[in-house]
Amino acid sequence: MLKKLIDLFVTENPAEGSAPPDKEVAAAALMVEAALMDGQMDSDEEQTIRRLLQAHFDLSPADCALIFKQAKEAQADTNHLLRFTRLVKDHFTPEERIDIMQMLWQVAYADGEIHHYESNLMRRIAGLIYVSDRDNGQARKRAANALSTADDAS
């Protein structure tokens, strides 16, 4: 009986799509969610997501565009993070999950400010993908440093 209750709450909703997205799409969908957390995704956030996806997953521009499109669609089709965070937790190493948190922070910083909704989202995602507060904080600092280094180079 307990297993049936757990399955009821954990099993994906069939209305959300027949197959869950692959791990790259799941990571990208979390980035899209981070970009939309303050109400809209601006061009800086979109370009940051595309650049990070292409560099981190070694994607061609066409593959990157396809994954970004799939991520936007997957994010729009669901109203909770569990679908994406479960794939990230299950298919990435602990070090890769920390890298994903750093990418998420870079997306959040892309528009020049961190909204309190974005900070809250980052804490929730870190917990769901089993990244410690310490590692999440270090990922945030690395993302901020990458941003200031990029600004200095401009």
N, C-alpha and C. Protein backbone atom coordinates (compact mmCIF):
# COMPACT_ATOMS: atom_id res chain seq x y z
N MET A 1 0.82 -1.19 0.00
CA MET A 1 0.00 0.00 0.00
C MET A 1 0.86 1.26 0.00
N LEU A 2 1.91 1.26 0.85
CA LEU A 2 2.81 2.41 0.91
C LEU A 2 3.50 2.62 -0.43
N LYS A 3 3.92 1.54 -1.08
CA LYS A 3 4.57 1.65 -2.39
C LYS A 3 3.62 2.28 -3.40
N LYS A 4 2.33 1.91 -3.37
CA LYS A 4 1.37 2.49 -4.30
C LYS A 4 1.22 3.99 -4.07
N LEU A 5 1.23 4.41 -2.81
CA LEU A 5 1.14 5.85 -2.51
C LEU A 5 2.38 6.58 -3.00
N ILE A 6 3.53 5.98 -2.75
CA ILE A 6 4.78 6.62 -3.20
C ILE A 6 4.77 6.72 -4.72
N ASP A 7 4.41 5.64 -5.40
CA ASP A 7 4.37 5.65 -6.86
C ASP A 7 3.39 6.69 -7.38
N LEU A 8 2.29 6.89 -6.68
CA LEU A 8 1.31 7.88 -7.09
C LEU A 8 1.90 9.27 -7.12
N PHE A 9 2.75 9.59 -6.14
CA PHE A 9 3.33 10.93 -6.07
C PHE A 9 4.62 11.06 -6.86
N VAL A 10 5.32 9.98 -7.10
CA VAL A 10 6.60 10.05 -7.77
C VAL A 10 6.48 9.79 -9.27
N THR A 11 5.56 8.98 -9.70
CA THR A 11 5.42 8.63 -11.11
C THR A 11 5.05 9.87 -11.91
N GLU A 12 5.66 9.96 -13.07
CA GLU A 12 5.41 11.11 -13.94
C GLU A 12 3.96 11.13 -14.41
N ASN A 13 3.47 12.30 -14.60
CA ASN A 13 2.13 12.49 -15.11
C ASN A 13 2.14 12.22 -16.62
N PRO A 14 1.33 11.28 -17.12
CA PRO A 14 1.35 10.97 -18.54
C PRO A 14 1.01 12.18 -19.42
N ALA A 15 0.27 13.13 -18.89
CA ALA A 15 -0.09 14.31 -19.67
C ALA A 15 1.13 15.18 -19.95
N GLU A 16 2.21 14.96 -19.21
CA GLU A 16 3.40 15.78 -19.38
C GLU A 16 4.29 15.30 -20.51
N GLY A 17 3.92 14.27 -21.20
CA GLY A 17 4.74 13.75 -22.28
C GLY A 17 5.03 12.30 -22.04
N SER A 18 5.17 11.56 -23.11
CA SER A 18 5.31 10.12 -22.96
C SER A 18 6.71 9.72 -22.51
N ALA A 19 7.73 10.41 -22.94
CA ALA A 19 9.09 10.02 -22.56
C ALA A 19 9.77 11.19 -21.88
N PRO A 20 10.48 10.92 -20.80
CA PRO A 20 11.20 12.01 -20.15
C PRO A 20 12.35 12.47 -21.04
N PRO A 21 12.76 13.71 -20.89
CA PRO A 21 13.86 14.22 -21.72
C PRO A 21 15.17 13.56 -21.34
N ASP A 22 16.15 13.58 -22.25
CA ASP A 22 17.44 13.02 -21.91
C ASP A 22 18.17 13.97 -20.96
N LYS A 23 19.32 13.54 -20.48
CA LYS A 23 19.98 14.28 -19.41
C LYS A 23 20.42 15.69 -19.84
N GLU A 24 20.85 15.86 -21.08
CA GLU A 24 21.25 17.19 -21.54
C GLU A 24 20.05 18.12 -21.62
N VAL A 25 18.93 17.59 -22.09
CA VAL A 25 17.72 18.40 -22.17
C VAL A 25 17.24 18.75 -20.76
N ALA A 26 17.37 17.80 -19.83
CA ALA A 26 16.97 18.07 -18.45
C ALA A 26 17.82 19.19 -17.85
N ALA A 27 19.14 19.15 -18.07
CA ALA A 27 20.01 20.21 -17.56
C ALA A 27 19.66 21.54 -18.22
N ALA A 28 19.41 21.51 -19.52
CA ALA A 28 19.04 22.73 -20.23
C ALA A 28 17.69 23.28 -19.75
N ALA A 29 16.76 22.38 -19.46
CA ALA A 29 15.44 22.82 -18.98
C ALA A 29 15.57 23.52 -17.63
N LEU A 30 16.48 23.04 -16.78
CA LEU A 30 16.72 23.73 -15.51
C LEU A 30 17.29 25.13 -15.75
N MET A 31 18.16 25.25 -16.76
CA MET A 31 18.70 26.57 -17.10
C MET A 31 17.59 27.49 -17.63
N VAL A 32 16.70 26.95 -18.44
CA VAL A 32 15.57 27.74 -18.94
C VAL A 32 14.70 28.18 -17.76
N GLU A 33 14.45 27.27 -16.84
CA GLU A 33 13.67 27.61 -15.64
C GLU A 33 14.34 28.74 -14.87
N ALA A 34 15.67 28.67 -14.72
CA ALA A 34 16.40 29.73 -14.01
C ALA A 34 16.26 31.06 -14.75
N ALA A 35 16.33 31.02 -16.06
CA ALA A 35 16.21 32.25 -16.85
C ALA A 35 14.82 32.86 -16.74
N LEU A 36 13.82 32.02 -16.63
CA LEU A 36 12.43 32.50 -16.57
C LEU A 36 11.97 32.85 -15.16
N MET A 37 12.77 32.57 -14.16
CA MET A 37 12.35 32.74 -12.78
C MET A 37 12.01 34.19 -12.45
N ASP A 38 12.66 35.13 -13.09
CA ASP A 38 12.34 36.54 -12.81
C ASP A 38 11.26 37.07 -13.74
N GLY A 39 10.58 36.18 -14.46
CA GLY A 39 9.44 36.59 -15.27
C GLY A 39 9.65 36.53 -16.76
N GLN A 40 10.89 36.60 -17.22
CA GLN A 40 11.14 36.56 -18.66
C GLN A 40 12.56 36.10 -18.92
N MET A 41 12.79 35.58 -20.12
CA MET A 41 14.13 35.22 -20.53
C MET A 41 14.59 36.26 -21.54
N ASP A 42 15.61 37.02 -21.17
CA ASP A 42 16.10 38.01 -22.12
C ASP A 42 17.16 37.39 -23.02
N SER A 43 17.61 38.15 -24.00
CA SER A 43 18.55 37.61 -24.98
C SER A 43 19.89 37.25 -24.35
N ASP A 44 20.33 38.00 -23.33
CA ASP A 44 21.58 37.66 -22.65
C ASP A 44 21.49 36.29 -21.98
N GLU A 45 20.35 36.02 -21.35
CA GLU A 45 20.16 34.72 -20.69
C GLU A 45 20.10 33.60 -21.73
N GLU A 46 19.40 33.83 -22.82
CA GLU A 46 19.31 32.81 -23.87
C GLU A 46 20.69 32.52 -24.46
N GLN A 47 21.45 33.56 -24.75
CA GLN A 47 22.79 33.37 -25.32
C GLN A 47 23.71 32.66 -24.32
N THR A 48 23.55 32.97 -23.03
CA THR A 48 24.35 32.30 -22.01
C THR A 48 24.02 30.82 -21.97
N ILE A 49 22.75 30.48 -22.01
CA ILE A 49 22.34 29.07 -22.00
C ILE A 49 22.93 28.35 -23.20
N ARG A 50 22.79 28.93 -24.36
CA ARG A 50 23.31 28.29 -25.59
C ARG A 50 24.83 28.11 -25.51
N ARG A 51 25.52 29.14 -25.06
CA ARG A 51 26.98 29.07 -24.96
C ARG A 51 27.41 27.99 -23.97
N LEU A 52 26.75 27.95 -22.81
CA LEU A 52 27.09 26.96 -21.79
C LEU A 52 26.80 25.54 -22.27
N LEU A 53 25.65 25.34 -22.90
CA LEU A 53 25.31 24.01 -23.41
C LEU A 53 26.32 23.55 -24.44
N GLN A 54 26.64 24.43 -25.37
CA GLN A 54 27.56 24.07 -26.43
C GLN A 54 28.94 23.72 -25.87
N ALA A 55 29.42 24.52 -24.94
CA ALA A 55 30.76 24.29 -24.38
C ALA A 55 30.78 23.07 -23.45
N HIS A 56 29.81 22.98 -22.56
CA HIS A 56 29.84 21.91 -21.55
C HIS A 56 29.59 20.53 -22.14
N PHE A 57 28.67 20.44 -23.08
CA PHE A 57 28.31 19.14 -23.65
C PHE A 57 28.97 18.90 -25.01
N ASP A 58 29.85 19.83 -25.43
CA ASP A 58 30.58 19.71 -26.69
C ASP A 58 29.63 19.45 -27.86
N LEU A 59 28.66 20.37 -28.01
CA LEU A 59 27.62 20.23 -29.02
C LEU A 59 27.93 21.05 -30.26
N SER A 60 27.46 20.57 -31.39
CA SER A 60 27.50 21.38 -32.60
C SER A 60 26.43 22.46 -32.44
N PRO A 61 26.53 23.54 -33.21
CA PRO A 61 25.49 24.58 -33.12
C PRO A 61 24.09 24.02 -33.40
N ALA A 62 23.97 23.09 -34.35
CA ALA A 62 22.65 22.51 -34.67
C ALA A 62 22.13 21.67 -33.50
N ASP A 63 22.99 20.86 -32.90
CA ASP A 63 22.56 20.05 -31.75
C ASP A 63 22.20 20.93 -30.56
N CYS A 64 22.97 21.99 -30.38
CA CYS A 64 22.69 22.93 -29.29
C CYS A 64 21.32 23.58 -29.49
N ALA A 65 21.04 24.00 -30.71
CA ALA A 65 19.74 24.62 -31.00
C ALA A 65 18.60 23.64 -30.75
N LEU A 66 18.79 22.38 -31.13
CA LEU A 66 17.76 21.36 -30.93
C LEU A 66 17.53 21.11 -29.44
N ILE A 67 18.60 20.96 -28.67
CA ILE A 67 18.47 20.72 -27.23
C ILE A 67 17.83 21.92 -26.55
N PHE A 68 18.22 23.12 -26.95
CA PHE A 68 17.61 24.32 -26.36
C PHE A 68 16.11 24.36 -26.67
N LYS A 69 15.72 24.05 -27.89
CA LYS A 69 14.30 24.03 -28.27
C LYS A 69 13.56 22.98 -27.46
N GLN A 70 14.13 21.78 -27.35
CA GLN A 70 13.49 20.71 -26.58
C GLN A 70 13.38 21.10 -25.10
N ALA A 71 14.40 21.77 -24.58
CA ALA A 71 14.39 22.19 -23.18
C ALA A 71 13.29 23.21 -22.92
N LYS A 72 13.14 24.17 -23.82
CA LYS A 72 12.06 25.16 -23.67
C LYS A 72 10.70 24.50 -23.70
N GLU A 73 10.52 23.55 -24.62
CA GLU A 73 9.24 22.84 -24.71
C GLU A 73 9.00 21.99 -23.46
N ALA A 74 10.03 21.28 -23.00
CA ALA A 74 9.88 20.42 -21.82
C ALA A 74 9.58 21.27 -20.59
N GLN A 75 10.25 22.40 -20.45
CA GLN A 75 10.02 23.27 -19.30
C GLN A 75 8.61 23.84 -19.34
N ALA A 76 8.12 24.18 -20.52
CA ALA A 76 6.77 24.74 -20.64
C ALA A 76 5.69 23.69 -20.38
N ASP A 77 6.03 22.42 -20.62
CA ASP A 77 5.05 21.34 -20.46
C ASP A 77 4.92 20.82 -19.04
N THR A 78 5.75 21.26 -18.14
CA THR A 78 5.70 20.74 -16.78
C THR A 78 5.63 21.88 -15.78
N ASN A 79 5.11 21.58 -14.62
CA ASN A 79 4.99 22.62 -13.59
C ASN A 79 5.80 22.28 -12.35
N HIS A 80 6.72 21.34 -12.47
CA HIS A 80 7.58 21.03 -11.33
C HIS A 80 8.97 20.64 -11.79
N LEU A 81 9.92 20.77 -10.91
CA LEU A 81 11.31 20.52 -11.23
C LEU A 81 11.73 19.06 -11.11
N LEU A 82 10.95 18.27 -10.39
CA LEU A 82 11.36 16.91 -10.07
C LEU A 82 11.70 16.09 -11.30
N ARG A 83 10.97 16.29 -12.37
CA ARG A 83 11.22 15.55 -13.60
C ARG A 83 12.64 15.77 -14.10
N PHE A 84 13.11 17.00 -14.04
CA PHE A 84 14.43 17.34 -14.55
C PHE A 84 15.53 17.04 -13.52
N THR A 85 15.27 17.40 -12.27
CA THR A 85 16.31 17.20 -11.26
C THR A 85 16.59 15.71 -11.03
N ARG A 86 15.57 14.88 -11.17
CA ARG A 86 15.79 13.45 -11.01
C ARG A 86 16.74 12.92 -12.09
N LEU A 87 16.54 13.35 -13.33
CA LEU A 87 17.44 12.92 -14.40
C LEU A 87 18.86 13.42 -14.17
N VAL A 88 18.98 14.67 -13.75
CA VAL A 88 20.31 15.21 -13.48
C VAL A 88 20.97 14.45 -12.34
N LYS A 89 20.24 14.22 -11.27
CA LYS A 89 20.80 13.50 -10.12
C LYS A 89 21.22 12.09 -10.50
N ASP A 90 20.41 11.42 -11.30
CA ASP A 90 20.66 10.03 -11.64
C ASP A 90 21.71 9.82 -12.73
N HIS A 91 21.95 10.83 -13.58
CA HIS A 91 22.80 10.60 -14.75
C HIS A 91 24.08 11.43 -14.79
N PHE A 92 24.30 12.25 -13.79
CA PHE A 92 25.53 13.03 -13.74
C PHE A 92 26.28 12.69 -12.46
N THR A 93 27.60 12.74 -12.52
CA THR A 93 28.43 12.50 -11.34
C THR A 93 28.27 13.68 -10.37
N PRO A 94 28.68 13.51 -9.11
CA PRO A 94 28.61 14.65 -8.18
C PRO A 94 29.36 15.88 -8.69
N GLU A 95 30.50 15.69 -9.31
CA GLU A 95 31.27 16.82 -9.84
C GLU A 95 30.53 17.50 -10.99
N GLU A 96 29.90 16.69 -11.85
CA GLU A 96 29.13 17.26 -12.96
C GLU A 96 27.91 18.03 -12.45
N ARG A 97 27.31 17.56 -11.37
CA ARG A 97 26.16 18.27 -10.80
C ARG A 97 26.59 19.63 -10.24
N ILE A 98 27.78 19.69 -9.67
CA ILE A 98 28.30 20.98 -9.19
C ILE A 98 28.53 21.89 -10.39
N ASP A 99 29.07 21.34 -11.48
CA ASP A 99 29.25 22.13 -12.71
C ASP A 99 27.91 22.66 -13.22
N ILE A 100 26.88 21.84 -13.14
CA ILE A 100 25.55 22.27 -13.58
C ILE A 100 25.06 23.41 -12.71
N MET A 101 25.31 23.32 -11.39
CA MET A 101 24.92 24.43 -10.52
C MET A 101 25.65 25.71 -10.92
N GLN A 102 26.93 25.59 -11.26
CA GLN A 102 27.67 26.77 -11.70
C GLN A 102 27.06 27.34 -12.97
N MET A 103 26.68 26.48 -13.90
CA MET A 103 26.03 26.96 -15.12
C MET A 103 24.71 27.64 -14.81
N LEU A 104 23.94 27.06 -13.88
CA LEU A 104 22.67 27.68 -13.49
C LEU A 104 22.90 29.07 -12.90
N TRP A 105 23.93 29.20 -12.07
CA TRP A 105 24.24 30.51 -11.51
C TRP A 105 24.66 31.49 -12.62
N GLN A 106 25.41 31.01 -13.61
CA GLN A 106 25.80 31.88 -14.71
C GLN A 106 24.57 32.39 -15.47
N VAL A 107 23.59 31.53 -15.66
CA VAL A 107 22.35 31.95 -16.30
C VAL A 107 21.65 32.99 -15.44
N ALA A 108 21.60 32.75 -14.15
CA ALA A 108 20.93 33.69 -13.25
C ALA A 108 21.64 35.05 -13.26
N TYR A 109 22.97 35.05 -13.34
CA TYR A 109 23.73 36.30 -13.37
C TYR A 109 23.72 36.98 -14.74
N ALA A 110 23.28 36.29 -15.79
CA ALA A 110 23.39 36.80 -17.16
C ALA A 110 22.69 38.13 -17.37
N ASP A 111 21.59 38.36 -16.66
CA ASP A 111 20.88 39.63 -16.84
C ASP A 111 21.39 40.73 -15.92
N GLY A 112 22.47 40.45 -15.20
CA GLY A 112 23.11 41.48 -14.40
C GLY A 112 22.67 41.55 -12.96
N GLU A 113 21.67 40.79 -12.57
CA GLU A 113 21.22 40.81 -11.18
C GLU A 113 20.64 39.46 -10.79
N ILE A 114 20.72 39.17 -9.51
CA ILE A 114 20.12 37.95 -8.98
C ILE A 114 18.84 38.34 -8.25
N HIS A 115 17.72 37.86 -8.78
CA HIS A 115 16.43 38.08 -8.15
C HIS A 115 16.29 37.08 -7.01
N HIS A 116 15.57 37.44 -5.95
CA HIS A 116 15.45 36.52 -4.81
C HIS A 116 14.75 35.22 -5.21
N TYR A 117 13.90 35.26 -6.24
CA TYR A 117 13.28 34.03 -6.74
C TYR A 117 14.34 33.10 -7.33
N GLU A 118 15.32 33.70 -8.00
CA GLU A 118 16.39 32.90 -8.60
C GLU A 118 17.24 32.24 -7.51
N SER A 119 17.56 32.98 -6.48
CA SER A 119 18.34 32.41 -5.37
C SER A 119 17.59 31.26 -4.72
N ASN A 120 16.30 31.43 -4.53
CA ASN A 120 15.49 30.38 -3.94
C ASN A 120 15.47 29.14 -4.85
N LEU A 121 15.32 29.35 -6.14
CA LEU A 121 15.33 28.24 -7.09
C LEU A 121 16.65 27.48 -7.03
N MET A 122 17.75 28.21 -6.96
CA MET A 122 19.06 27.56 -6.92
C MET A 122 19.21 26.69 -5.67
N ARG A 123 18.73 27.18 -4.54
CA ARG A 123 18.79 26.37 -3.32
C ARG A 123 17.95 25.10 -3.46
N ARG A 124 16.77 25.24 -4.05
CA ARG A 124 15.90 24.07 -4.24
C ARG A 124 16.53 23.06 -5.19
N ILE A 125 17.05 23.54 -6.31
CA ILE A 125 17.67 22.62 -7.28
C ILE A 125 18.87 21.95 -6.66
N ALA A 126 19.71 22.70 -5.96
CA ALA A 126 20.90 22.10 -5.33
C ALA A 126 20.49 20.97 -4.39
N GLY A 127 19.47 21.19 -3.61
CA GLY A 127 19.01 20.14 -2.71
C GLY A 127 18.48 18.93 -3.45
N LEU A 128 17.75 19.16 -4.52
CA LEU A 128 17.16 18.06 -5.28
C LEU A 128 18.19 17.24 -6.06
N ILE A 129 19.31 17.87 -6.43
CA ILE A 129 20.34 17.12 -7.16
C ILE A 129 21.51 16.75 -6.25
N TYR A 130 21.32 16.92 -4.96
CA TYR A 130 22.28 16.51 -3.94
C TYR A 130 23.62 17.24 -4.06
N VAL A 131 23.56 18.55 -4.22
CA VAL A 131 24.74 19.40 -4.16
C VAL A 131 24.68 20.12 -2.83
N SER A 132 25.74 20.03 -2.05
CA SER A 132 25.76 20.63 -0.71
C SER A 132 25.69 22.15 -0.79
N ASP A 133 25.28 22.77 0.31
CA ASP A 133 25.24 24.23 0.38
C ASP A 133 26.64 24.81 0.12
N ARG A 134 27.64 24.16 0.66
CA ARG A 134 29.03 24.62 0.47
C ARG A 134 29.41 24.60 -1.01
N ASP A 135 29.16 23.46 -1.67
CA ASP A 135 29.50 23.35 -3.09
C ASP A 135 28.66 24.30 -3.94
N ASN A 136 27.40 24.48 -3.58
CA ASN A 136 26.55 25.42 -4.29
C ASN A 136 27.07 26.85 -4.13
N GLY A 137 27.50 27.20 -2.93
CA GLY A 137 28.06 28.53 -2.70
C GLY A 137 29.34 28.75 -3.49
N GLN A 138 30.18 27.73 -3.56
CA GLN A 138 31.40 27.86 -4.35
C GLN A 138 31.09 27.96 -5.84
N ALA A 139 30.08 27.21 -6.30
CA ALA A 139 29.67 27.31 -7.70
C ALA A 139 29.16 28.72 -8.00
N ARG A 140 28.43 29.30 -7.05
CA ARG A 140 27.92 30.67 -7.23
C ARG A 140 29.09 31.65 -7.33
N LYS A 141 30.08 31.50 -6.48
CA LYS A 141 31.24 32.40 -6.53
C LYS A 141 31.99 32.26 -7.85
N ARG A 142 32.17 31.02 -8.32
CA ARG A 142 32.86 30.81 -9.60
C ARG A 142 32.07 31.45 -10.75
N ALA A 143 30.74 31.34 -10.69
CA ALA A 143 29.91 31.95 -11.73
C ALA A 143 30.03 33.47 -11.71
N ALA A 144 30.03 34.05 -10.52
CA ALA A 144 30.17 35.50 -10.40
C ALA A 144 31.55 35.95 -10.88
N ASN A 145 32.58 35.17 -10.54
CA ASN A 145 33.94 35.50 -11.00
C ASN A 145 34.04 35.39 -12.51
N ALA A 146 33.41 34.38 -13.10
CA ALA A 146 33.42 34.23 -14.56
C ALA A 146 32.75 35.42 -15.21
N LEU A 147 31.68 35.90 -14.61
CA LEU A 147 30.96 37.06 -15.14
C LEU A 147 31.84 38.31 -15.07
N SER A 148 32.50 38.52 -13.91
CA SER A 148 33.34 39.72 -13.78
C SER A 148 34.56 39.63 -14.70
N THR A 149 35.08 38.44 -14.92
CA THR A 149 36.20 38.26 -15.85
C THR A 149 35.76 38.56 -17.27
N ALA A 150 34.57 38.10 -17.64
CA ALA A 150 34.04 38.37 -18.98
C ALA A 150 33.79 39.87 -19.17
N ASP A 151 33.30 40.53 -18.11
CA ASP A 151 33.06 41.98 -18.19
C ASP A 151 34.37 42.74 -18.34
N ASP A 152 35.41 42.28 -17.65
CA ASP A 152 36.71 42.93 -17.76
C ASP A 152 37.31 42.77 -19.15
N ALA A 153 37.04 41.63 -19.78
CA ALA A 153 37.57 41.37 -21.12
C ALA A 153 36.85 42.18 -22.18
N SER A 154 35.63 42.63 -21.89
CA SER A 154 34.84 43.38 -22.88
C SER A 154 35.32 44.79 -23.05
